[in-house]
Full PDB file with SEQRES, HELIX, SHEET, SSBOND, CRYST1, ORIGX, SCALE, CONECT and MASTER records, all heavy atoms in Angstrom:
SEQRES   1 A   39  CYS THR ASP ASN LEU LYS ILE LYS PRO ILE TYR ASN PHE          
SEQRES   2 A   39  LEU ASP HIS PHE VAL ALA GLN GLU TYR TYR GLY TYR SER          
SEQRES   3 A   39  ASP LYS LYS ILE PRO THR GLY LYS LYS PHE ILE LYS GLN          
HELIX    1 AA1 THR A    2  THR A    2  1                                   1    
HELIX    2 AA2 ASP A    3  ILE A    7  3                                   5    
HELIX    3 AA3 LYS A    8  TYR A   23  1                                  16    
HELIX    4 AA4 LYS A   35  LYS A   38  1                                   4    
CRYST1    1.000    1.000    1.000  90.00  90.00  90.00 P 1           1          
ORIGX1      1.000000  0.000000  0.000000        0.00000                         
ORIGX2      0.000000  1.000000  0.000000        0.00000                         
ORIGX3      0.000000  0.000000  1.000000        0.00000                         
SCALE1      1.000000  0.000000  0.000000        0.00000                         
SCALE2      0.000000  1.000000  0.000000        0.00000                         
SCALE3      0.000000  0.000000  1.000000        0.00000                         
ATOM      1  N   CYS A   1       0.823  -1.200   0.010  1.00  0.00           N  
ATOM      2  CA  CYS A   1      -0.002   0.038   0.010  1.00  0.00           C  
ATOM      3  C   CYS A   1       0.850   1.229   0.002  1.00  0.00           C  
ATOM      4  O   CYS A   1       0.545   2.279  -0.725  1.00  0.00           O  
ATOM      5  CB  CYS A   1      -0.962  -0.003   1.231  1.00  0.00           C  
ATOM      6  SG  CYS A   1      -0.159  -0.274   2.787  1.00  0.00           S  
ATOM      7  N   THR A   2       1.893   1.274   0.771  1.00  0.00           N  
ATOM      8  CA  THR A   2       2.810   2.440   0.801  1.00  0.00           C  
ATOM      9  C   THR A   2       3.346   2.777  -0.565  1.00  0.00           C  
ATOM     10  O   THR A   2       3.376   3.960  -1.024  1.00  0.00           O  
ATOM     11  CB  THR A   2       3.951   2.244   1.830  1.00  0.00           C  
ATOM     12  OG1 THR A   2       3.384   2.074   3.134  1.00  0.00           O  
ATOM     13  CG2 THR A   2       4.868   3.456   1.885  1.00  0.00           C  
ATOM     14  N   ASP A   3       3.850   1.733  -1.245  1.00  0.00           N  
ATOM     15  CA  ASP A   3       4.428   1.931  -2.557  1.00  0.00           C  
ATOM     16  C   ASP A   3       3.360   2.466  -3.556  1.00  0.00           C  
ATOM     17  O   ASP A   3       3.684   3.367  -4.298  1.00  0.00           O  
ATOM     18  CB  ASP A   3       5.037   0.619  -3.046  1.00  0.00           C  
ATOM     19  CG  ASP A   3       5.700   0.716  -4.405  1.00  0.00           C  
ATOM     20  OD1 ASP A   3       6.470   1.719  -4.569  1.00  0.00           O  
ATOM     21  OD2 ASP A   3       5.527  -0.135  -5.264  1.00  0.00           O  
ATOM     22  N   ASN A   4       2.192   1.894  -3.520  1.00  0.00           N  
ATOM     23  CA  ASN A   4       1.169   2.214  -4.537  1.00  0.00           C  
ATOM     24  C   ASN A   4       0.411   3.494  -4.243  1.00  0.00           C  
ATOM     25  O   ASN A   4      -0.034   4.171  -5.176  1.00  0.00           O  
ATOM     26  CB  ASN A   4       0.212   1.043  -4.755  1.00  0.00           C  
ATOM     27  CG  ASN A   4       0.827  -0.108  -5.463  1.00  0.00           C  
ATOM     28  OD1 ASN A   4       1.110  -0.015  -6.663  1.00  0.00           O  
ATOM     29  ND2 ASN A   4       1.085  -1.194  -4.785  1.00  0.00           N  
ATOM     30  N   LEU A   5       0.268   3.813  -2.999  1.00  0.00           N  
ATOM     31  CA  LEU A   5      -0.546   4.976  -2.579  1.00  0.00           C  
ATOM     32  C   LEU A   5       0.235   6.196  -2.214  1.00  0.00           C  
ATOM     33  O   LEU A   5      -0.299   7.334  -2.158  1.00  0.00           O  
ATOM     34  CB  LEU A   5      -1.507   4.604  -1.487  1.00  0.00           C  
ATOM     35  CG  LEU A   5      -2.596   3.557  -1.840  1.00  0.00           C  
ATOM     36  CD1 LEU A   5      -3.426   3.156  -0.598  1.00  0.00           C  
ATOM     37  CD2 LEU A   5      -3.549   4.150  -2.914  1.00  0.00           C  
ATOM     38  N   LYS A   6       1.517   6.025  -1.936  1.00  0.00           N  
ATOM     39  CA  LYS A   6       2.315   7.163  -1.485  1.00  0.00           C  
ATOM     40  C   LYS A   6       3.476   7.419  -2.460  1.00  0.00           C  
ATOM     41  O   LYS A   6       3.692   8.481  -3.054  1.00  0.00           O  
ATOM     42  CB  LYS A   6       2.777   7.025  -0.082  1.00  0.00           C  
ATOM     43  CG  LYS A   6       1.661   7.123   0.944  1.00  0.00           C  
ATOM     44  CD  LYS A   6       2.182   6.878   2.383  1.00  0.00           C  
ATOM     45  CE  LYS A   6       1.113   7.063   3.395  1.00  0.00           C  
ATOM     46  NZ  LYS A   6       0.711   8.450   3.657  1.00  0.00           N  
ATOM     47  N   ILE A   7       4.349   6.352  -2.624  1.00  0.00           N  
ATOM     48  CA  ILE A   7       5.644   6.552  -3.311  1.00  0.00           C  
ATOM     49  C   ILE A   7       5.374   6.728  -4.816  1.00  0.00           C  
ATOM     50  O   ILE A   7       5.827   7.743  -5.430  1.00  0.00           O  
ATOM     51  CB  ILE A   7       6.560   5.407  -3.079  1.00  0.00           C  
ATOM     52  CG1 ILE A   7       6.886   5.309  -1.534  1.00  0.00           C  
ATOM     53  CG2 ILE A   7       7.844   5.504  -3.885  1.00  0.00           C  
ATOM     54  CD1 ILE A   7       7.636   4.082  -1.150  1.00  0.00           C  
ATOM     55  N   LYS A   8       4.646   5.831  -5.451  1.00  0.00           N  
ATOM     56  CA  LYS A   8       4.448   5.873  -6.896  1.00  0.00           C  
ATOM     57  C   LYS A   8       3.716   7.160  -7.356  1.00  0.00           C  
ATOM     58  O   LYS A   8       4.209   7.825  -8.299  1.00  0.00           O  
ATOM     59  CB  LYS A   8       3.723   4.651  -7.388  1.00  0.00           C  
ATOM     60  CG  LYS A   8       4.573   3.352  -7.444  1.00  0.00           C  
ATOM     61  CD  LYS A   8       3.768   2.229  -7.926  1.00  0.00           C  
ATOM     62  CE  LYS A   8       4.667   0.928  -8.015  1.00  0.00           C  
ATOM     63  NZ  LYS A   8       3.888  -0.268  -8.442  1.00  0.00           N  
ATOM     64  N   PRO A   9       2.659   7.536  -6.598  1.00  0.00           N  
ATOM     65  CA  PRO A   9       1.959   8.819  -7.061  1.00  0.00           C  
ATOM     66  C   PRO A   9       2.860  10.008  -7.034  1.00  0.00           C  
ATOM     67  O   PRO A   9       2.825  10.878  -7.881  1.00  0.00           O  
ATOM     68  CB  PRO A   9       0.810   8.884  -6.087  1.00  0.00           C  
ATOM     69  CG  PRO A   9       0.511   7.512  -5.672  1.00  0.00           C  
ATOM     70  CD  PRO A   9       1.840   6.826  -5.615  1.00  0.00           C  
ATOM     71  N   ILE A  10       3.676  10.098  -5.944  1.00  0.00           N  
ATOM     72  CA  ILE A  10       4.545  11.278  -5.817  1.00  0.00           C  
ATOM     73  C   ILE A  10       5.588  11.336  -6.944  1.00  0.00           C  
ATOM     74  O   ILE A  10       5.801  12.449  -7.534  1.00  0.00           O  
ATOM     75  CB  ILE A  10       5.211  11.301  -4.427  1.00  0.00           C  
ATOM     76  CG1 ILE A  10       4.193  11.640  -3.326  1.00  0.00           C  
ATOM     77  CG2 ILE A  10       6.403  12.277  -4.397  1.00  0.00           C  
ATOM     78  CD1 ILE A  10       4.729  11.631  -1.866  1.00  0.00           C  
ATOM     79  N   TYR A  11       6.245  10.223  -7.217  1.00  0.00           N  
ATOM     80  CA  TYR A  11       7.245  10.285  -8.272  1.00  0.00           C  
ATOM     81  C   TYR A  11       6.612  10.354  -9.683  1.00  0.00           C  
ATOM     82  O   TYR A  11       7.236  10.931 -10.578  1.00  0.00           O  
ATOM     83  CB  TYR A  11       8.173   9.053  -8.117  1.00  0.00           C  
ATOM     84  CG  TYR A  11       9.128   9.274  -6.993  1.00  0.00           C  
ATOM     85  CD1 TYR A  11       8.975   8.568  -5.814  1.00  0.00           C  
ATOM     86  CD2 TYR A  11      10.208  10.179  -7.090  1.00  0.00           C  
ATOM     87  CE1 TYR A  11       9.861   8.785  -4.725  1.00  0.00           C  
ATOM     88  CE2 TYR A  11      11.033  10.382  -6.038  1.00  0.00           C  
ATOM     89  CZ  TYR A  11      10.875   9.699  -4.868  1.00  0.00           C  
ATOM     90  OH  TYR A  11      11.776   9.895  -3.802  1.00  0.00           O  
ATOM     91  N   ASN A  12       5.426   9.812  -9.900  1.00  0.00           N  
ATOM     92  CA  ASN A  12       4.748   9.983 -11.121  1.00  0.00           C  
ATOM     93  C   ASN A  12       4.385  11.464 -11.321  1.00  0.00           C  
ATOM     94  O   ASN A  12       4.597  12.032 -12.456  1.00  0.00           O  
ATOM     95  CB  ASN A  12       3.463   9.137 -11.208  1.00  0.00           C  
ATOM     96  CG  ASN A  12       3.713   7.686 -11.361  1.00  0.00           C  
ATOM     97  OD1 ASN A  12       4.780   7.259 -11.779  1.00  0.00           O  
ATOM     98  ND2 ASN A  12       2.744   6.875 -10.962  1.00  0.00           N  
ATOM     99  N   PHE A  13       3.929  12.070 -10.249  1.00  0.00           N  
ATOM    100  CA  PHE A  13       3.638  13.530 -10.329  1.00  0.00           C  
ATOM    101  C   PHE A  13       4.952  14.280 -10.567  1.00  0.00           C  
ATOM    102  O   PHE A  13       4.988  15.225 -11.416  1.00  0.00           O  
ATOM    103  CB  PHE A  13       3.030  13.987  -9.060  1.00  0.00           C  
ATOM    104  CG  PHE A  13       3.181  15.530  -8.827  1.00  0.00           C  
ATOM    105  CD1 PHE A  13       2.353  16.426  -9.492  1.00  0.00           C  
ATOM    106  CD2 PHE A  13       4.240  16.008  -8.002  1.00  0.00           C  
ATOM    107  CE1 PHE A  13       2.454  17.781  -9.322  1.00  0.00           C  
ATOM    108  CE2 PHE A  13       4.357  17.363  -7.867  1.00  0.00           C  
ATOM    109  CZ  PHE A  13       3.466  18.263  -8.537  1.00  0.00           C  
ATOM    110  N   LEU A  14       6.031  13.982  -9.889  1.00  0.00           N  
ATOM    111  CA  LEU A  14       7.276  14.723  -9.977  1.00  0.00           C  
ATOM    112  C   LEU A  14       7.796  14.679 -11.396  1.00  0.00           C  
ATOM    113  O   LEU A  14       8.281  15.701 -11.902  1.00  0.00           O  
ATOM    114  CB  LEU A  14       8.258  14.145  -9.039  1.00  0.00           C  
ATOM    115  CG  LEU A  14       9.630  14.905  -8.880  1.00  0.00           C  
ATOM    116  CD1 LEU A  14       9.341  16.328  -8.484  1.00  0.00           C  
ATOM    117  CD2 LEU A  14      10.455  14.211  -7.849  1.00  0.00           C  
ATOM    118  N   ASP A  15       7.729  13.568 -12.082  1.00  0.00           N  
ATOM    119  CA  ASP A  15       8.139  13.424 -13.495  1.00  0.00           C  
ATOM    120  C   ASP A  15       7.339  14.431 -14.379  1.00  0.00           C  
ATOM    121  O   ASP A  15       7.919  15.120 -15.231  1.00  0.00           O  
ATOM    122  CB  ASP A  15       7.982  12.008 -14.005  1.00  0.00           C  
ATOM    123  CG  ASP A  15       8.712  11.787 -15.272  1.00  0.00           C  
ATOM    124  OD1 ASP A  15       9.910  12.224 -15.369  1.00  0.00           O  
ATOM    125  OD2 ASP A  15       8.192  11.143 -16.160  1.00  0.00           O  
ATOM    126  N   HIS A  16       6.032  14.515 -14.107  1.00  0.00           N  
ATOM    127  CA  HIS A  16       5.162  15.390 -14.913  1.00  0.00           C  
ATOM    128  C   HIS A  16       5.427  16.853 -14.563  1.00  0.00           C  
ATOM    129  O   HIS A  16       5.504  17.709 -15.460  1.00  0.00           O  
ATOM    130  CB  HIS A  16       3.686  15.035 -14.571  1.00  0.00           C  
ATOM    131  CG  HIS A  16       2.749  15.621 -15.557  1.00  0.00           C  
ATOM    132  ND1 HIS A  16       1.373  15.577 -15.414  1.00  0.00           N  
ATOM    133  CD2 HIS A  16       2.953  16.208 -16.789  1.00  0.00           C  
ATOM    134  CE1 HIS A  16       0.828  16.147 -16.407  1.00  0.00           C  
ATOM    135  NE2 HIS A  16       1.679  16.575 -17.266  1.00  0.00           N  
ATOM    136  N   PHE A  17       5.629  17.129 -13.292  1.00  0.00           N  
ATOM    137  CA  PHE A  17       5.957  18.494 -12.853  1.00  0.00           C  
ATOM    138  C   PHE A  17       7.304  18.984 -13.511  1.00  0.00           C  
ATOM    139  O   PHE A  17       7.318  20.113 -14.025  1.00  0.00           O  
ATOM    140  CB  PHE A  17       6.126  18.549 -11.333  1.00  0.00           C  
ATOM    141  CG  PHE A  17       6.504  19.871 -10.791  1.00  0.00           C  
ATOM    142  CD1 PHE A  17       5.649  20.862 -10.545  1.00  0.00           C  
ATOM    143  CD2 PHE A  17       7.876  20.166 -10.524  1.00  0.00           C  
ATOM    144  CE1 PHE A  17       6.020  22.121 -10.053  1.00  0.00           C  
ATOM    145  CE2 PHE A  17       8.244  21.388 -10.015  1.00  0.00           C  
ATOM    146  CZ  PHE A  17       7.320  22.375  -9.834  1.00  0.00           C  
ATOM    147  N   VAL A  18       8.280  18.123 -13.444  1.00  0.00           N  
ATOM    148  CA  VAL A  18       9.567  18.511 -14.087  1.00  0.00           C  
ATOM    149  C   VAL A  18       9.407  18.705 -15.539  1.00  0.00           C  
ATOM    150  O   VAL A  18       9.974  19.650 -16.153  1.00  0.00           O  
ATOM    151  CB  VAL A  18      10.664  17.436 -13.769  1.00  0.00           C  
ATOM    152  CG1 VAL A  18      11.844  17.604 -14.612  1.00  0.00           C  
ATOM    153  CG2 VAL A  18      11.050  17.447 -12.298  1.00  0.00           C  
ATOM    154  N   ALA A  19       8.649  17.855 -16.182  1.00  0.00           N  
ATOM    155  CA  ALA A  19       8.358  17.962 -17.610  1.00  0.00           C  
ATOM    156  C   ALA A  19       7.785  19.296 -17.979  1.00  0.00           C  
ATOM    157  O   ALA A  19       8.182  19.981 -18.990  1.00  0.00           O  
ATOM    158  CB  ALA A  19       7.500  16.842 -18.125  1.00  0.00           C  
ATOM    159  N   GLN A  20       6.789  19.723 -17.190  1.00  0.00           N  
ATOM    160  CA  GLN A  20       6.083  20.955 -17.519  1.00  0.00           C  
ATOM    161  C   GLN A  20       6.903  22.224 -17.137  1.00  0.00           C  
ATOM    162  O   GLN A  20       6.948  23.161 -17.922  1.00  0.00           O  
ATOM    163  CB  GLN A  20       4.800  20.971 -16.722  1.00  0.00           C  
ATOM    164  CG  GLN A  20       3.763  19.946 -17.210  1.00  0.00           C  
ATOM    165  CD  GLN A  20       2.506  19.916 -16.333  1.00  0.00           C  
ATOM    166  OE1 GLN A  20       2.564  19.896 -15.137  1.00  0.00           O  
ATOM    167  NE2 GLN A  20       1.317  19.863 -16.952  1.00  0.00           N  
ATOM    168  N   GLU A  21       7.476  22.140 -15.946  1.00  0.00           N  
ATOM    169  CA  GLU A  21       8.186  23.348 -15.413  1.00  0.00           C  
ATOM    170  C   GLU A  21       9.544  23.593 -16.028  1.00  0.00           C  
ATOM    171  O   GLU A  21       9.998  24.755 -16.137  1.00  0.00           O  
ATOM    172  CB  GLU A  21       8.281  23.243 -13.879  1.00  0.00           C  
ATOM    173  CG  GLU A  21       7.013  23.247 -13.172  1.00  0.00           C  
ATOM    174  CD  GLU A  21       6.265  24.537 -13.294  1.00  0.00           C  
ATOM    175  OE1 GLU A  21       6.954  25.590 -13.210  1.00  0.00           O  
ATOM    176  OE2 GLU A  21       5.033  24.518 -13.435  1.00  0.00           O  
ATOM    177  N   TYR A  22      10.259  22.525 -16.451  1.00  0.00           N  
ATOM    178  CA  TYR A  22      11.613  22.678 -16.861  1.00  0.00           C  
ATOM    179  C   TYR A  22      11.871  22.321 -18.405  1.00  0.00           C  
ATOM    180  O   TYR A  22      12.855  22.736 -18.969  1.00  0.00           O  
ATOM    181  CB  TYR A  22      12.570  21.813 -16.067  1.00  0.00           C  
ATOM    182  CG  TYR A  22      12.654  22.284 -14.629  1.00  0.00           C  
ATOM    183  CD1 TYR A  22      11.801  21.745 -13.672  1.00  0.00           C  
ATOM    184  CD2 TYR A  22      13.589  23.184 -14.130  1.00  0.00           C  
ATOM    185  CE1 TYR A  22      11.815  22.164 -12.366  1.00  0.00           C  
ATOM    186  CE2 TYR A  22      13.652  23.562 -12.872  1.00  0.00           C  
ATOM    187  CZ  TYR A  22      12.768  23.072 -11.948  1.00  0.00           C  
ATOM    188  OH  TYR A  22      12.811  23.487 -10.642  1.00  0.00           O  
ATOM    189  N   TYR A  23      10.865  21.631 -18.980  1.00  0.00           N  
ATOM    190  CA  TYR A  23      11.079  21.199 -20.369  1.00  0.00           C  
ATOM    191  C   TYR A  23       9.880  21.543 -21.296  1.00  0.00           C  
ATOM    192  O   TYR A  23       9.884  21.082 -22.389  1.00  0.00           O  
ATOM    193  CB  TYR A  23      11.365  19.726 -20.456  1.00  0.00           C  
ATOM    194  CG  TYR A  23      12.688  19.363 -19.680  1.00  0.00           C  
ATOM    195  CD1 TYR A  23      12.650  18.843 -18.422  1.00  0.00           C  
ATOM    196  CD2 TYR A  23      13.914  19.612 -20.330  1.00  0.00           C  
ATOM    197  CE1 TYR A  23      13.874  18.550 -17.788  1.00  0.00           C  
ATOM    198  CE2 TYR A  23      15.152  19.276 -19.708  1.00  0.00           C  
ATOM    199  CZ  TYR A  23      15.038  18.807 -18.405  1.00  0.00           C  
ATOM    200  OH  TYR A  23      16.278  18.488 -17.809  1.00  0.00           O  
ATOM    201  N   GLY A  24       8.984  22.415 -20.831  1.00  0.00           N  
ATOM    202  CA  GLY A  24       7.908  22.880 -21.705  1.00  0.00           C  
ATOM    203  C   GLY A  24       6.914  21.832 -22.158  1.00  0.00           C  
ATOM    204  O   GLY A  24       6.300  22.003 -23.192  1.00  0.00           O  
ATOM    205  N   TYR A  25       6.811  20.734 -21.389  1.00  0.00           N  
ATOM    206  CA  TYR A  25       5.940  19.668 -21.790  1.00  0.00           C  
ATOM    207  C   TYR A  25       4.452  20.161 -21.641  1.00  0.00           C  
ATOM    208  O   TYR A  25       4.058  20.602 -20.585  1.00  0.00           O  
ATOM    209  CB  TYR A  25       6.122  18.489 -20.850  1.00  0.00           C  
ATOM    210  CG  TYR A  25       5.412  17.155 -21.247  1.00  0.00           C  
ATOM    211  CD1 TYR A  25       5.838  16.334 -22.206  1.00  0.00           C  
ATOM    212  CD2 TYR A  25       4.170  16.891 -20.645  1.00  0.00           C  
ATOM    213  CE1 TYR A  25       5.198  15.162 -22.497  1.00  0.00           C  
ATOM    214  CE2 TYR A  25       3.518  15.775 -20.887  1.00  0.00           C  
ATOM    215  CZ  TYR A  25       3.970  14.915 -21.832  1.00  0.00           C  
ATOM    216  OH  TYR A  25       3.297  13.733 -22.158  1.00  0.00           O  
ATOM    217  N   SER A  26       3.682  19.967 -22.719  1.00  0.00           N  
ATOM    218  CA  SER A  26       2.320  20.471 -22.694  1.00  0.00           C  
ATOM    219  C   SER A  26       1.326  19.380 -23.115  1.00  0.00           C  
ATOM    220  O   SER A  26       0.054  19.653 -23.179  1.00  0.00           O  
ATOM    221  CB  SER A  26       2.201  21.698 -23.617  1.00  0.00           C  
ATOM    222  OG  SER A  26       2.513  21.369 -24.934  1.00  0.00           O  
ATOM    223  N   ASP A  27       1.779  18.181 -23.339  1.00  0.00           N  
ATOM    224  CA  ASP A  27       0.873  17.076 -23.766  1.00  0.00           C  
ATOM    225  C   ASP A  27      -0.079  16.801 -22.637  1.00  0.00           C  
ATOM    226  O   ASP A  27       0.333  16.797 -21.428  1.00  0.00           O  
ATOM    227  CB  ASP A  27       1.705  15.859 -24.106  1.00  0.00           C  
ATOM    228  CG  ASP A  27       0.914  14.832 -24.861  1.00  0.00           C  
ATOM    229  OD1 ASP A  27      -0.300  14.602 -24.546  1.00  0.00           O  
ATOM    230  OD2 ASP A  27       1.487  14.299 -25.791  1.00  0.00           O  
ATOM    231  N   LYS A  28      -1.358  16.513 -22.904  1.00  0.00           N  
ATOM    232  CA  LYS A  28      -2.299  16.155 -21.916  1.00  0.00           C  
ATOM    233  C   LYS A  28      -1.997  14.787 -21.239  1.00  0.00           C  
ATOM    234  O   LYS A  28      -2.409  14.533 -20.139  1.00  0.00           O  
ATOM    235  CB  LYS A  28      -3.714  16.175 -22.437  1.00  0.00           C  
ATOM    236  CG  LYS A  28      -4.218  17.536 -22.859  1.00  0.00           C  
ATOM    237  CD  LYS A  28      -5.653  17.436 -23.395  1.00  0.00           C  
ATOM    238  CE  LYS A  28      -6.138  18.863 -23.748  1.00  0.00           C  
ATOM    239  NZ  LYS A  28      -7.593  18.825 -24.271  1.00  0.00           N  
ATOM    240  N   LYS A  29      -1.270  13.949 -21.982  1.00  0.00           N  
ATOM    241  CA  LYS A  29      -0.986  12.605 -21.471  1.00  0.00           C  
ATOM    242  C   LYS A  29       0.168  12.755 -20.474  1.00  0.00           C  
ATOM    243  O   LYS A  29       1.236  13.383 -20.735  1.00  0.00           O  
ATOM    244  CB  LYS A  29      -0.526  11.723 -22.660  1.00  0.00           C  
ATOM    245  CG  LYS A  29      -0.210  10.286 -22.244  1.00  0.00           C  
ATOM    246  CD  LYS A  29       0.135   9.423 -23.475  1.00  0.00           C  
ATOM    247  CE  LYS A  29       0.407   7.997 -23.006  1.00  0.00           C  
ATOM    248  NZ  LYS A  29       0.773   7.180 -24.215  1.00  0.00           N  
ATOM    249  N   ILE A  30       0.004  12.071 -19.337  1.00  0.00           N  
ATOM    250  CA  ILE A  30       1.028  12.061 -18.278  1.00  0.00           C  
ATOM    251  C   ILE A  30       2.210  11.265 -18.733  1.00  0.00           C  
ATOM    252  O   ILE A  30       2.006  10.146 -19.173  1.00  0.00           O  
ATOM    253  CB  ILE A  30       0.436  11.476 -16.956  1.00  0.00           C  
ATOM    254  CG1 ILE A  30      -0.666  12.463 -16.458  1.00  0.00           C  
ATOM    255  CG2 ILE A  30       1.528  11.373 -15.918  1.00  0.00           C  
ATOM    256  CD1 ILE A  30      -1.383  11.929 -15.209  1.00  0.00           C  
ATOM    257  N   PRO A  31       3.418  11.791 -18.671  1.00  0.00           N  
ATOM    258  CA  PRO A  31       4.591  11.087 -19.096  1.00  0.00           C  
ATOM    259  C   PRO A  31       4.860   9.826 -18.282  1.00  0.00           C  
ATOM    260  O   PRO A  31       4.420   9.734 -17.127  1.00  0.00           O  
ATOM    261  CB  PRO A  31       5.702  12.027 -19.027  1.00  0.00           C  
ATOM    262  CG  PRO A  31       5.283  13.049 -18.038  1.00  0.00           C  
ATOM    263  CD  PRO A  31       3.743  13.158 -18.156  1.00  0.00           C  
ATOM    264  N   THR A  32       5.504   8.873 -18.857  1.00  0.00           N  
ATOM    265  CA  THR A  32       5.814   7.598 -18.128  1.00  0.00           C  
ATOM    266  C   THR A  32       7.377   7.379 -18.199  1.00  0.00           C  
ATOM    267  O   THR A  32       8.055   7.954 -19.051  1.00  0.00           O  
ATOM    268  CB  THR A  32       5.092   6.445 -18.690  1.00  0.00           C  
ATOM    269  OG1 THR A  32       5.429   6.289 -20.118  1.00  0.00           O  
ATOM    270  CG2 THR A  32       3.586   6.583 -18.598  1.00  0.00           C  
ATOM    271  N   GLY A  33       7.821   6.485 -17.331  1.00  0.00           N  
ATOM    272  CA  GLY A  33       9.200   6.059 -17.472  1.00  0.00           C  
ATOM    273  C   GLY A  33      10.223   6.907 -16.795  1.00  0.00           C  
ATOM    274  O   GLY A  33      11.433   6.664 -16.813  1.00  0.00           O  
ATOM    275  N   LYS A  34       9.757   7.962 -16.127  1.00  0.00           N  
ATOM    276  CA  LYS A  34      10.624   8.858 -15.359  1.00  0.00           C  
ATOM    277  C   LYS A  34      11.644   9.544 -16.287  1.00  0.00           C  
ATOM    278  O   LYS A  34      12.811   9.904 -15.876  1.00  0.00           O  
ATOM    279  CB  LYS A  34      11.357   8.189 -14.193  1.00  0.00           C  
ATOM    280  CG  LYS A  34      10.373   7.380 -13.274  1.00  0.00           C  
ATOM    281  CD  LYS A  34       9.354   8.297 -12.694  1.00  0.00           C  
ATOM    282  CE  LYS A  34       8.358   7.538 -11.727  1.00  0.00           C  
ATOM    283  NZ  LYS A  34       7.516   6.567 -12.419  1.00  0.00           N  
ATOM    284  N   LYS A  35      11.340   9.691 -17.532  1.00  0.00           N  
ATOM    285  CA  LYS A  35      12.251  10.276 -18.524  1.00  0.00           C  
ATOM    286  C   LYS A  35      12.714  11.680 -18.134  1.00  0.00           C  
ATOM    287  O   LYS A  35      13.879  11.995 -18.222  1.00  0.00           O  
ATOM    288  CB  LYS A  35      11.638  10.264 -19.880  1.00  0.00           C  
ATOM    289  CG  LYS A  35      12.494  10.864 -21.010  1.00  0.00           C  
ATOM    290  CD  LYS A  35      11.859  10.793 -22.368  1.00  0.00           C  
ATOM    291  CE  LYS A  35      10.795  11.922 -22.500  1.00  0.00           C  
ATOM    292  NZ  LYS A  35      10.319  11.987 -23.915  1.00  0.00           N  
ATOM    293  N   PHE A  36      11.744  12.493 -17.688  1.00  0.00           N  
ATOM    294  CA  PHE A  36      12.085  13.895 -17.352  1.00  0.00           C  
ATOM    295  C   PHE A  36      12.840  13.969 -16.058  1.00  0.00           C  
ATOM    296  O   PHE A  36      13.664  14.886 -15.920  1.00  0.00           O  
ATOM    297  CB  PHE A  36      10.835  14.727 -17.419  1.00  0.00           C  
ATOM    298  CG  PHE A  36      10.263  14.834 -18.747  1.00  0.00           C  
ATOM    299  CD1 PHE A  36       9.181  14.086 -19.185  1.00  0.00           C  
ATOM    300  CD2 PHE A  36      10.750  15.755 -19.694  1.00  0.00           C  
ATOM    301  CE1 PHE A  36       8.626  14.114 -20.439  1.00  0.00           C  
ATOM    302  CE2 PHE A  36      10.255  15.834 -20.984  1.00  0.00           C  
ATOM    303  CZ  PHE A  36       9.170  15.085 -21.374  1.00  0.00           C  
ATOM    304  N   ILE A  37      12.576  13.208 -15.075  1.00  0.00           N  
ATOM    305  CA  ILE A  37      13.375  13.214 -13.896  1.00  0.00           C  
ATOM    306  C   ILE A  37      14.774  12.829 -14.157  1.00  0.00           C  
ATOM    307  O   ILE A  37      15.738  13.454 -13.691  1.00  0.00           O  
ATOM    308  CB  ILE A  37      12.781  12.150 -12.867  1.00  0.00           C  
ATOM    309  CG1 ILE A  37      11.418  12.683 -12.257  1.00  0.00           C  
ATOM    310  CG2 ILE A  37      13.754  11.918 -11.730  1.00  0.00           C  
ATOM    311  CD1 ILE A  37      10.775  11.797 -11.266  1.00  0.00           C  
ATOM    312  N   LYS A  38      15.058  11.828 -15.006  1.00  0.00           N  
ATOM    313  CA  LYS A  38      16.329  11.410 -15.418  1.00  0.00           C  
ATOM    314  C   LYS A  38      17.084  12.522 -16.225  1.00  0.00           C  
ATOM    315  O   LYS A  38      18.290  12.761 -15.985  1.00  0.00           O  
ATOM    316  CB  LYS A  38      16.344  10.080 -16.169  1.00  0.00           C  
ATOM    317  CG  LYS A  38      15.908   8.882 -15.324  1.00  0.00           C  
ATOM    318  CD  LYS A  38      15.954   7.591 -16.130  1.00  0.00           C  
ATOM    319  CE  LYS A  38      14.783   7.430 -17.042  1.00  0.00           C  
ATOM    320  NZ  LYS A  38      14.729   6.108 -17.665  1.00  0.00           N  
ATOM    321  N   GLN A  39      16.322  13.167 -17.061  1.00  0.00           N  
ATOM    322  CA  GLN A  39      16.922  14.197 -17.820  1.00  0.00           C  
ATOM    323  C   GLN A  39      17.294  15.397 -16.977  1.00  0.00           C  
ATOM    324  O   GLN A  39      18.353  16.052 -17.179  1.00  0.00           O  
ATOM    325  CB  GLN A  39      15.953  14.683 -18.934  1.00  0.00           C  
ATOM    326  CG  GLN A  39      16.574  15.614 -19.958  1.00  0.00           C  
ATOM    327  CD  GLN A  39      17.688  15.000 -20.753  1.00  0.00           C  
ATOM    328  OE1 GLN A  39      17.585  13.899 -21.207  1.00  0.00           O  
ATOM    329  NE2 GLN A  39      18.856  15.741 -20.860  1.00  0.00           N  
TER     330      GLN A  39                                                      
MASTER        0    0    0    4    0    0    0    6  329    1    0    3          
END                                                                             
């Protein structure tokens, strides 16, 4: 439960936040794979 309800949502959000705030990502689809966190 901790992994699925706390950890995964936060890091999924963080990847999307970084994509939007730092790389101009504007797609409505939430990115996957933590590509933007790694970048």
